[in-house]
PDB file of N, CA and C in Angstrom:
ATOM      1  N   MET A   1       0.840  -1.181   0.000  1.00  0.00           N
ATOM      2  CA  MET A   1       0.000   0.000   0.000  1.00  0.00           C
ATOM      3  C   MET A   1       0.885   1.244   0.000  1.00  0.00           C
ATOM      4  N   THR A   2       0.531   2.212  -0.804  1.00  0.00           N
ATOM      5  CA  THR A   2       1.286   3.457  -0.923  1.00  0.00           C
ATOM      6  C   THR A   2       0.691   4.492   0.019  1.00  0.00           C
ATOM      7  N   SER A   3       1.547   5.169   0.762  1.00  0.00           N
ATOM      8  CA  SER A   3       1.059   6.205   1.672  1.00  0.00           C
ATOM      9  C   SER A   3       0.746   7.473   0.887  1.00  0.00           C
ATOM     10  N   GLU A   4       0.017   8.400   1.535  1.00  0.00           N
ATOM     11  CA  GLU A   4      -0.320   9.665   0.878  1.00  0.00           C
ATOM     12  C   GLU A   4       0.925  10.451   0.510  1.00  0.00           C
ATOM     13  N   LEU A   5       1.988  10.283   1.273  1.00  0.00           N
ATOM     14  CA  LEU A   5       3.211  11.015   0.981  1.00  0.00           C
ATOM     15  C   LEU A   5       3.968  10.415  -0.187  1.00  0.00           C
ATOM     16  N   GLU A   6       3.587   9.226  -0.642  1.00  0.00           N
ATOM     17  CA  GLU A   6       4.285   8.557  -1.730  1.00  0.00           C
ATOM     18  C   GLU A   6       3.480   8.529  -3.022  1.00  0.00           C
ATOM     19  N   GLN A   7       2.340   9.173  -3.054  1.00  0.00           N
ATOM     20  CA  GLN A   7       1.508   9.173  -4.251  1.00  0.00           C
ATOM     21  C   GLN A   7       2.216   9.917  -5.375  1.00  0.00           C
ATOM     22  N   PRO A   8       2.281   9.307  -6.559  1.00  0.00           N
ATOM     23  CA  PRO A   8       2.898  10.029  -7.673  1.00  0.00           C
ATOM     24  C   PRO A   8       2.085  11.283  -8.018  1.00  0.00           C
ATOM     25  N   VAL A   9       2.789  12.325  -8.369  1.00  0.00           N
ATOM     26  CA  VAL A   9       2.161  13.603  -8.696  1.00  0.00           C
ATOM     27  C   VAL A   9       2.078  13.733 -10.209  1.00  0.00           C
ATOM     28  N   ALA A  10       0.878  14.020 -10.705  1.00  0.00           N
ATOM     29  CA  ALA A  10       0.667  14.204 -12.138  1.00  0.00           C
ATOM     30  C   ALA A  10       1.286  15.524 -12.589  1.00  0.00           C
ATOM     31  N   ASP A  11       1.507  15.646 -13.882  1.00  0.00           N
ATOM     32  CA  ASP A  11       2.043  16.894 -14.421  1.00  0.00           C
ATOM     33  C   ASP A  11       1.083  18.055 -14.200  1.00  0.00           C
ATOM     34  N   GLN A  12      -0.209  17.742 -14.127  1.00  0.00           N
ATOM     35  CA  GLN A  12      -1.214  18.777 -13.909  1.00  0.00           C
ATOM     36  C   GLN A  12      -2.273  18.248 -12.952  1.00  0.00           C
ATOM     37  N   ALA A  13      -2.655  19.065 -12.002  1.00  0.00           N
ATOM     38  CA  ALA A  13      -3.732  18.715 -11.074  1.00  0.00           C
ATOM     39  C   ALA A  13      -5.065  18.772 -11.821  1.00  0.00           C
ATOM     40  N   PRO A  14      -6.099  18.136 -11.280  1.00  0.00           N
ATOM     41  CA  PRO A  14      -7.413  18.161 -11.941  1.00  0.00           C
ATOM     42  C   PRO A  14      -7.912  19.588 -12.169  1.00  0.00           C
ATOM     43  N   LEU A  15      -8.651  19.746 -13.248  1.00  0.00           N
ATOM     44  CA  LEU A  15      -9.208  21.057 -13.599  1.00  0.00           C
ATOM     45  C   LEU A  15     -10.719  21.122 -13.406  1.00  0.00           C
ATOM     46  N   ILE A  16     -11.339  20.000 -13.083  1.00  0.00           N
ATOM     47  CA  ILE A  16     -12.796  19.972 -12.969  1.00  0.00           C
ATOM     48  C   ILE A  16     -13.244  20.511 -11.616  1.00  0.00           C
ATOM     49  N   GLU A  17     -14.481  20.957 -11.558  1.00  0.00           N
ATOM     50  CA  GLU A  17     -15.032  21.581 -10.355  1.00  0.00           C
ATOM     51  C   GLU A  17     -15.722  20.561  -9.455  1.00  0.00           C
ATOM     52  N   ARG A  18     -15.072  19.437  -9.245  1.00  0.00           N
ATOM     53  CA  ARG A  18     -15.568  18.467  -8.272  1.00  0.00           C
ATOM     54  C   ARG A  18     -14.381  17.746  -7.663  1.00  0.00           C
ATOM     55  N   PHE A  19     -14.576  17.239  -6.473  1.00  0.00           N
ATOM     56  CA  PHE A  19     -13.553  16.503  -5.746  1.00  0.00           C
ATOM     57  C   PHE A  19     -13.321  15.168  -6.450  1.00  0.00           C
ATOM     58  N   THR A  20     -12.066  14.829  -6.688  1.00  0.00           N
ATOM     59  CA  THR A  20     -11.731  13.625  -7.449  1.00  0.00           C
ATOM     60  C   THR A  20     -10.945  12.628  -6.599  1.00  0.00           C
ATOM     61  N   ASP A  21     -10.787  11.427  -7.134  1.00  0.00           N
ATOM     62  CA  ASP A  21      -9.930  10.438  -6.475  1.00  0.00           C
ATOM     63  C   ASP A  21      -8.499  10.957  -6.374  1.00  0.00           C
ATOM     64  N   TYR A  22      -8.068  11.705  -7.382  1.00  0.00           N
ATOM     65  CA  TYR A  22      -6.727  12.303  -7.337  1.00  0.00           C
ATOM     66  C   TYR A  22      -6.628  13.262  -6.149  1.00  0.00           C
ATOM     67  N   ASP A  23      -7.650  14.084  -5.962  1.00  0.00           N
ATOM     68  CA  ASP A  23      -7.660  15.004  -4.820  1.00  0.00           C
ATOM     69  C   ASP A  23      -7.589  14.232  -3.508  1.00  0.00           C
ATOM     70  N   ARG A  24      -8.364  13.190  -3.408  1.00  0.00           N
ATOM     71  CA  ARG A  24      -8.366  12.371  -2.193  1.00  0.00           C
ATOM     72  C   ARG A  24      -6.961  11.843  -1.911  1.00  0.00           C
ATOM     73  N   ALA A  25      -6.298  11.367  -2.941  1.00  0.00           N
ATOM     74  CA  ALA A  25      -4.957  10.797  -2.792  1.00  0.00           C
ATOM     75  C   ALA A  25      -3.904  11.856  -2.487  1.00  0.00           C
ATOM     76  N   HIS A  26      -4.204  13.120  -2.802  1.00  0.00           N
ATOM     77  CA  HIS A  26      -3.199  14.176  -2.663  1.00  0.00           C
ATOM     78  C   HIS A  26      -3.566  15.262  -1.648  1.00  0.00           C
ATOM     79  N   LEU A  27      -4.448  14.946  -0.719  1.00  0.00           N
ATOM     80  CA  LEU A  27      -4.797  15.931   0.309  1.00  0.00           C
ATOM     81  C   LEU A  27      -3.565  16.401   1.070  1.00  0.00           C
ATOM     82  N   VAL A  28      -2.703  15.479   1.422  1.00  0.00           N
ATOM     83  CA  VAL A  28      -1.485  15.850   2.150  1.00  0.00           C
ATOM     84  C   VAL A  28      -0.587  16.716   1.276  1.00  0.00           C
ATOM     85  N   THR A  29      -0.507  16.403   0.001  1.00  0.00           N
ATOM     86  CA  THR A  29       0.281  17.215  -0.934  1.00  0.00           C
ATOM     87  C   THR A  29      -0.234  18.650  -0.943  1.00  0.00           C
ATOM     88  N   TYR A  30      -1.550  18.813  -1.055  1.00  0.00           N
ATOM     89  CA  TYR A  30      -2.134  20.153  -1.071  1.00  0.00           C
ATOM     90  C   TYR A  30      -1.835  20.899   0.231  1.00  0.00           C
ATOM     91  N   LEU A  31      -1.973  20.211   1.349  1.00  0.00           N
ATOM     92  CA  LEU A  31      -1.688  20.852   2.638  1.00  0.00           C
ATOM     93  C   LEU A  31      -0.228  21.260   2.745  1.00  0.00           C
ATOM     94  N   ARG A  32       0.655  20.415   2.277  1.00  0.00           N
ATOM     95  CA  ARG A  32       2.085  20.738   2.330  1.00  0.00           C
ATOM     96  C   ARG A  32       2.411  21.930   1.432  1.00  0.00           C
ATOM     97  N   LEU A  33       1.772  22.010   0.260  1.00  0.00           N
ATOM     98  CA  LEU A  33       1.988  23.160  -0.621  1.00  0.00           C
ATOM     99  C   LEU A  33       1.486  24.447   0.031  1.00  0.00           C
ATOM    100  N   LEU A  34       0.315  24.382   0.639  1.00  0.00           N
ATOM    101  CA  LEU A  34      -0.227  25.562   1.316  1.00  0.00           C
ATOM    102  C   LEU A  34       0.662  25.981   2.479  1.00  0.00           C
ATOM    103  N   ASP A  35       1.166  25.015   3.226  1.00  0.00           N
ATOM    104  CA  ASP A  35       2.093  25.326   4.324  1.00  0.00           C
ATOM    105  C   ASP A  35       3.364  25.982   3.798  1.00  0.00           C
ATOM    106  N   ALA A  36       3.895  25.446   2.713  1.00  0.00           N
ATOM    107  CA  ALA A  36       5.118  26.004   2.134  1.00  0.00           C
ATOM    108  C   ALA A  36       4.883  27.444   1.683  1.00  0.00           C
ATOM    109  N   ALA A  37       3.744  27.692   1.040  1.00  0.00           N
ATOM    110  CA  ALA A  37       3.425  29.051   0.594  1.00  0.00           C
ATOM    111  C   ALA A  37       3.273  29.988   1.790  1.00  0.00           C
ATOM    112  N   ARG A  38       2.589  29.525   2.818  1.00  0.00           N
ATOM    113  CA  ARG A  38       2.407  30.336   4.028  1.00  0.00           C
ATOM    114  C   ARG A  38       3.750  30.688   4.661  1.00  0.00           C
ATOM    115  N   ASP A  39       4.676  29.742   4.601  1.00  0.00           N
ATOM    116  CA  ASP A  39       6.000  29.949   5.196  1.00  0.00           C
ATOM    117  C   ASP A  39       6.948  30.731   4.292  1.00  0.00           C
ATOM    118  N   GLY A  40       6.469  31.112   3.099  1.00  0.00           N
ATOM    119  CA  GLY A  40       7.282  31.909   2.193  1.00  0.00           C
ATOM    120  C   GLY A  40       8.301  31.121   1.393  1.00  0.00           C
ATOM    121  N   ALA A  41       8.102  29.815   1.273  1.00  0.00           N
ATOM    122  CA  ALA A  41       9.039  28.985   0.510  1.00  0.00           C
ATOM    123  C   ALA A  41       8.990  29.349  -0.971  1.00  0.00           C
ATOM    124  N   ASP A  42      10.124  29.338  -1.594  1.00  0.00           N
ATOM    125  CA  ASP A  42      10.217  29.546  -3.032  1.00  0.00           C
ATOM    126  C   ASP A  42       9.552  28.370  -3.743  1.00  0.00           C
ATOM    127  N   TRP A  43       8.939  28.627  -4.891  1.00  0.00           N
ATOM    128  CA  TRP A  43       8.249  27.572  -5.610  1.00  0.00           C
ATOM    129  C   TRP A  43       9.196  26.420  -5.931  1.00  0.00           C
ATOM    130  N   ARG A  44      10.465  26.720  -6.190  1.00  0.00           N
ATOM    131  CA  ARG A  44      11.438  25.677  -6.540  1.00  0.00           C
ATOM    132  C   ARG A  44      11.630  24.694  -5.383  1.00  0.00           C
ATOM    133  N   GLU A  45      11.691  25.248  -4.185  1.00  0.00           N
ATOM    134  CA  GLU A  45      11.839  24.404  -2.996  1.00  0.00           C
ATOM    135  C   GLU A  45      10.610  23.512  -2.816  1.00  0.00           C
ATOM    136  N   ALA A  46       9.420  24.095  -2.972  1.00  0.00           N
ATOM    137  CA  ALA A  46       8.187  23.318  -2.839  1.00  0.00           C
ATOM    138  C   ALA A  46       8.079  22.267  -3.935  1.00  0.00           C
ATOM    139  N   ALA A  47       8.464  22.626  -5.152  1.00  0.00           N
ATOM    140  CA  ALA A  47       8.427  21.649  -6.247  1.00  0.00           C
ATOM    141  C   ALA A  47       9.330  20.465  -5.936  1.00  0.00           C
ATOM    142  N   ARG A  48      10.495  20.749  -5.414  1.00  0.00           N
ATOM    143  CA  ARG A  48      11.454  19.683  -5.103  1.00  0.00           C
ATOM    144  C   ARG A  48      10.978  18.837  -3.926  1.00  0.00           C
ATOM    145  N   GLN A  49      10.611  19.487  -2.840  1.00  0.00           N
ATOM    146  CA  GLN A  49      10.312  18.761  -1.604  1.00  0.00           C
ATOM    147  C   GLN A  49       8.912  18.167  -1.556  1.00  0.00           C
ATOM    148  N   VAL A  50       7.943  18.854  -2.094  1.00  0.00           N
ATOM    149  CA  VAL A  50       6.559  18.391  -1.992  1.00  0.00           C
ATOM    150  C   VAL A  50       6.138  17.582  -3.212  1.00  0.00           C
ATOM    151  N   LEU A  51       6.508  18.064  -4.389  1.00  0.00           N
ATOM    152  CA  LEU A  51       6.071  17.403  -5.620  1.00  0.00           C
ATOM    153  C   LEU A  51       7.102  16.432  -6.183  1.00  0.00           C
ATOM    154  N   ALA A  52       8.283  16.392  -5.571  1.00  0.00           N
ATOM    155  CA  ALA A  52       9.378  15.524  -6.043  1.00  0.00           C
ATOM    156  C   ALA A  52       9.711  15.824  -7.505  1.00  0.00           C
ATOM    157  N   ARG A  53       9.749  17.116  -7.836  1.00  0.00           N
ATOM    158  CA  ARG A  53      10.063  17.572  -9.191  1.00  0.00           C
ATOM    159  C   ARG A  53      11.386  18.321  -9.188  1.00  0.00           C
ATOM    160  N   ASP A  54      12.120  18.166 -10.267  1.00  0.00           N
ATOM    161  CA  ASP A  54      13.355  18.920 -10.461  1.00  0.00           C
ATOM    162  C   ASP A  54      12.966  20.329 -10.891  1.00  0.00           C
ATOM    163  N   PRO A  55      13.236  21.344 -10.081  1.00  0.00           N
ATOM    164  CA  PRO A  55      12.810  22.695 -10.438  1.00  0.00           C
ATOM    165  C   PRO A  55      13.498  23.244 -11.683  1.00  0.00           C
ATOM    166  N   ASP A  56      14.578  22.622 -12.109  1.00  0.00           N
ATOM    167  CA  ASP A  56      15.249  23.064 -13.330  1.00  0.00           C
ATOM    168  C   ASP A  56      14.590  22.507 -14.588  1.00  0.00           C
ATOM    169  N   HIS A  57      13.704  21.540 -14.433  1.00  0.00           N
ATOM    170  CA  HIS A  57      12.987  20.981 -15.587  1.00  0.00           C
ATOM    171  C   HIS A  57      11.913  21.979 -16.016  1.00  0.00           C
ATOM    172  N   PRO A  58      11.787  22.231 -17.314  1.00  0.00           N
ATOM    173  CA  PRO A  58      10.843  23.251 -17.789  1.00  0.00           C
ATOM    174  C   PRO A  58       9.388  23.044 -17.343  1.00  0.00           C
ATOM    175  N   ALA A  59       8.943  21.814 -17.188  1.00  0.00           N
ATOM    176  CA  ALA A  59       7.541  21.557 -16.838  1.00  0.00           C
ATOM    177  C   ALA A  59       7.263  21.663 -15.339  1.00  0.00           C
ATOM    178  N   SER A  60       8.290  21.787 -14.532  1.00  0.00           N
ATOM    179  CA  SER A  60       8.096  21.780 -13.078  1.00  0.00           C
ATOM    180  C   SER A  60       7.313  22.987 -12.579  1.00  0.00           C
ATOM    181  N   ARG A  61       7.546  24.137 -13.150  1.00  0.00           N
ATOM    182  CA  ARG A  61       6.819  25.343 -12.718  1.00  0.00           C
ATOM    183  C   ARG A  61       5.326  25.188 -12.992  1.00  0.00           C
ATOM    184  N   ALA A  62       4.971  24.692 -14.164  1.00  0.00           N
ATOM    185  CA  ALA A  62       3.560  24.494 -14.503  1.00  0.00           C
ATOM    186  C   ALA A  62       2.916  23.458 -13.582  1.00  0.00           C
ATOM    187  N   CYS A  63       3.644  22.419 -13.245  1.00  0.00           N
ATOM    188  CA  CYS A  63       3.153  21.394 -12.319  1.00  0.00           C
ATOM    189  C   CYS A  63       2.875  22.022 -10.955  1.00  0.00           C
ATOM    190  N   TRP A  64       3.832  22.779 -10.453  1.00  0.00           N
ATOM    191  CA  TRP A  64       3.667  23.440  -9.156  1.00  0.00           C
ATOM    192  C   TRP A  64       2.476  24.401  -9.192  1.00  0.00           C
ATOM    193  N   GLU A  65       2.372  25.205 -10.257  1.00  0.00           N
ATOM    194  CA  GLU A  65       1.276  26.172 -10.361  1.00  0.00           C
ATOM    195  C   GLU A  65      -0.081  25.480 -10.363  1.00  0.00           C
ATOM    196  N   SER A  66      -0.209  24.394 -11.120  1.00  0.00           N
ATOM    197  CA  SER A  66      -1.509  23.722 -11.189  1.00  0.00           C
ATOM    198  C   SER A  66      -1.879  23.096  -9.844  1.00  0.00           C
ATOM    199  N   HIS A  67      -0.898  22.554  -9.148  1.00  0.00           N
ATOM    200  CA  HIS A  67      -1.185  21.961  -7.842  1.00  0.00           C
ATOM    201  C   HIS A  67      -1.457  23.037  -6.788  1.00  0.00           C
ATOM    202  N   MET A  68      -0.805  24.178  -6.884  1.00  0.00           N
ATOM    203  CA  MET A  68      -1.122  25.285  -5.971  1.00  0.00           C
ATOM    204  C   MET A  68      -2.540  25.793  -6.226  1.00  0.00           C
ATOM    205  N   ARG A  69      -2.920  25.931  -7.489  1.00  0.00           N
ATOM    206  CA  ARG A  69      -4.289  26.362  -7.807  1.00  0.00           C
ATOM    207  C   ARG A  69      -5.298  25.377  -7.219  1.00  0.00           C
ATOM    208  N   ARG A  70      -4.996  24.085  -7.361  1.00  0.00           N
ATOM    209  CA  ARG A  70      -5.917  23.071  -6.840  1.00  0.00           C
ATOM    210  C   ARG A  70      -5.948  23.110  -5.314  1.00  0.00           C
ATOM    211  N   ALA A  71      -4.808  23.299  -4.689  1.00  0.00           N
ATOM    212  CA  ALA A  71      -4.763  23.400  -3.227  1.00  0.00           C
ATOM    213  C   ALA A  71      -5.598  24.590  -2.760  1.00  0.00           C
ATOM    214  N   GLU A  72      -5.488  25.711  -3.453  1.00  0.00           N
ATOM    215  CA  GLU A  72      -6.276  26.893  -3.106  1.00  0.00           C
ATOM    216  C   GLU A  72      -7.759  26.656  -3.370  1.00  0.00           C
ATOM    217  N   TRP A  73      -8.077  25.956  -4.467  1.00  0.00           N
ATOM    218  CA  TRP A  73      -9.467  25.598  -4.765  1.00  0.00           C
ATOM    219  C   TRP A  73     -10.043  24.768  -3.622  1.00  0.00           C
ATOM    220  N   MET A  74      -9.227  23.859  -3.095  1.00  0.00           N
ATOM    221  CA  MET A  74      -9.683  23.016  -1.987  1.00  0.00           C
ATOM    222  C   MET A  74     -10.046  23.857  -0.768  1.00  0.00           C
ATOM    223  N   THR A  75      -9.372  24.987  -0.557  1.00  0.00           N
ATOM    224  CA  THR A  75      -9.633  25.798   0.637  1.00  0.00           C
ATOM    225  C   THR A  75     -10.926  26.595   0.547  1.00  0.00           C
ATOM    226  N   HIS A  76     -11.402  26.891  -0.668  1.00  0.00           N
ATOM    227  CA  HIS A  76     -12.627  27.685  -0.761  1.00  0.00           C
ATOM    228  C   HIS A  76     -13.793  26.966  -1.418  1.00  0.00           C
ATOM    229  N   THR A  77     -13.559  25.872  -2.120  1.00  0.00           N
ATOM    230  CA  THR A  77     -14.637  25.138  -2.775  1.00  0.00           C
ATOM    231  C   THR A  77     -14.545  23.640  -2.524  1.00  0.00           C
ATOM    232  N   GLY A  78     -13.389  23.088  -2.748  1.00  0.00           N
ATOM    233  CA  GLY A  78     -13.217  21.635  -2.674  1.00  0.00           C
ATOM    234  C   GLY A  78     -13.548  21.044  -1.326  1.00  0.00           C
ATOM    235  N   TYR A  79     -13.290  21.795  -0.260  1.00  0.00           N
ATOM    236  CA  TYR A  79     -13.571  21.256   1.073  1.00  0.00           C
ATOM    237  C   TYR A  79     -15.057  20.945   1.237  1.00  0.00           C
ATOM    238  N   LYS A  80     -15.921  21.678   0.533  1.00  0.00           N
ATOM    239  CA  LYS A  80     -17.360  21.413   0.608  1.00  0.00           C
ATOM    240  C   LYS A  80     -17.671  20.039   0.034  1.00  0.00           C
ATOM    241  N   HIS A  81     -16.999  19.685  -1.058  1.00  0.00           N
ATOM    242  CA  HIS A  81     -17.173  18.361  -1.646  1.00  0.00           C
ATOM    243  C   HIS A  81     -16.649  17.304  -0.686  1.00  0.00           C
ATOM    244  N   LEU A  82     -15.508  17.585  -0.100  1.00  0.00           N
ATOM    245  CA  LEU A  82     -14.890  16.660   0.846  1.00  0.00           C
ATOM    246  C   LEU A  82     -15.793  16.451   2.058  1.00  0.00           C
ATOM    247  N   ALA A  83     -16.370  17.520   2.567  1.00  0.00           N
ATOM    248  CA  ALA A  83     -17.232  17.423   3.743  1.00  0.00           C
ATOM    249  C   ALA A  83     -18.483  16.602   3.464  1.00  0.00           C
ATOM    250  N   SER A  84     -18.900  16.548   2.210  1.00  0.00           N
ATOM    251  CA  SER A  84     -20.107  15.794   1.876  1.00  0.00           C
ATOM    252  C   SER A  84     -19.844  14.290   1.764  1.00  0.00           C
ATOM    253  N   LEU A  85     -18.589  13.896   1.737  1.00  0.00           N
ATOM    254  CA  LEU A  85     -18.264  12.475   1.673  1.00  0.00           C
ATOM    255  C   LEU A  85     -18.387  11.859   3.064  1.00  0.00           C
ATOM    256  N   ARG A  86     -18.793  10.632   3.109  1.00  0.00           N
ATOM    257  CA  ARG A  86     -18.966   9.965   4.409  1.00  0.00           C
ATOM    258  C   ARG A  86     -17.653   9.505   5.002  1.00  0.00           C
ATOM    259  N   GLU A  87     -16.698   9.122   4.156  1.00  0.00           N
ATOM    260  CA  GLU A  87     -15.420   8.661   4.673  1.00  0.00           C
ATOM    261  C   GLU A  87     -14.319   9.025   3.699  1.00  0.00           C
ATOM    262  N   LEU A  88     -13.114   9.145   4.212  1.00  0.00           N
ATOM    263  CA  LEU A  88     -11.953   9.439   3.363  1.00  0.00           C
ATOM    264  C   LEU A  88     -11.360   8.176   2.909  1.00  0.00           C
TER     265      LEU A  88
END
């Protein structure tokens, strides 16, 4: 069994306006990204430590941006979908 901290990260987070299995698997990832942003971490550091991405790779910035957008979506919309689920 793979832990939440070991879930592979897609190149792009979901774009749909509903909570997905990907979101469920990456709740910890989203929280870690939000914590890093709150702490003022550079996107490169968060990409490396949270997303396991090489910040020098051209696609890493887009990956980080999409996951940050999704993490922020979770804080104002996605949590409502999550709260409606009976179990995680």
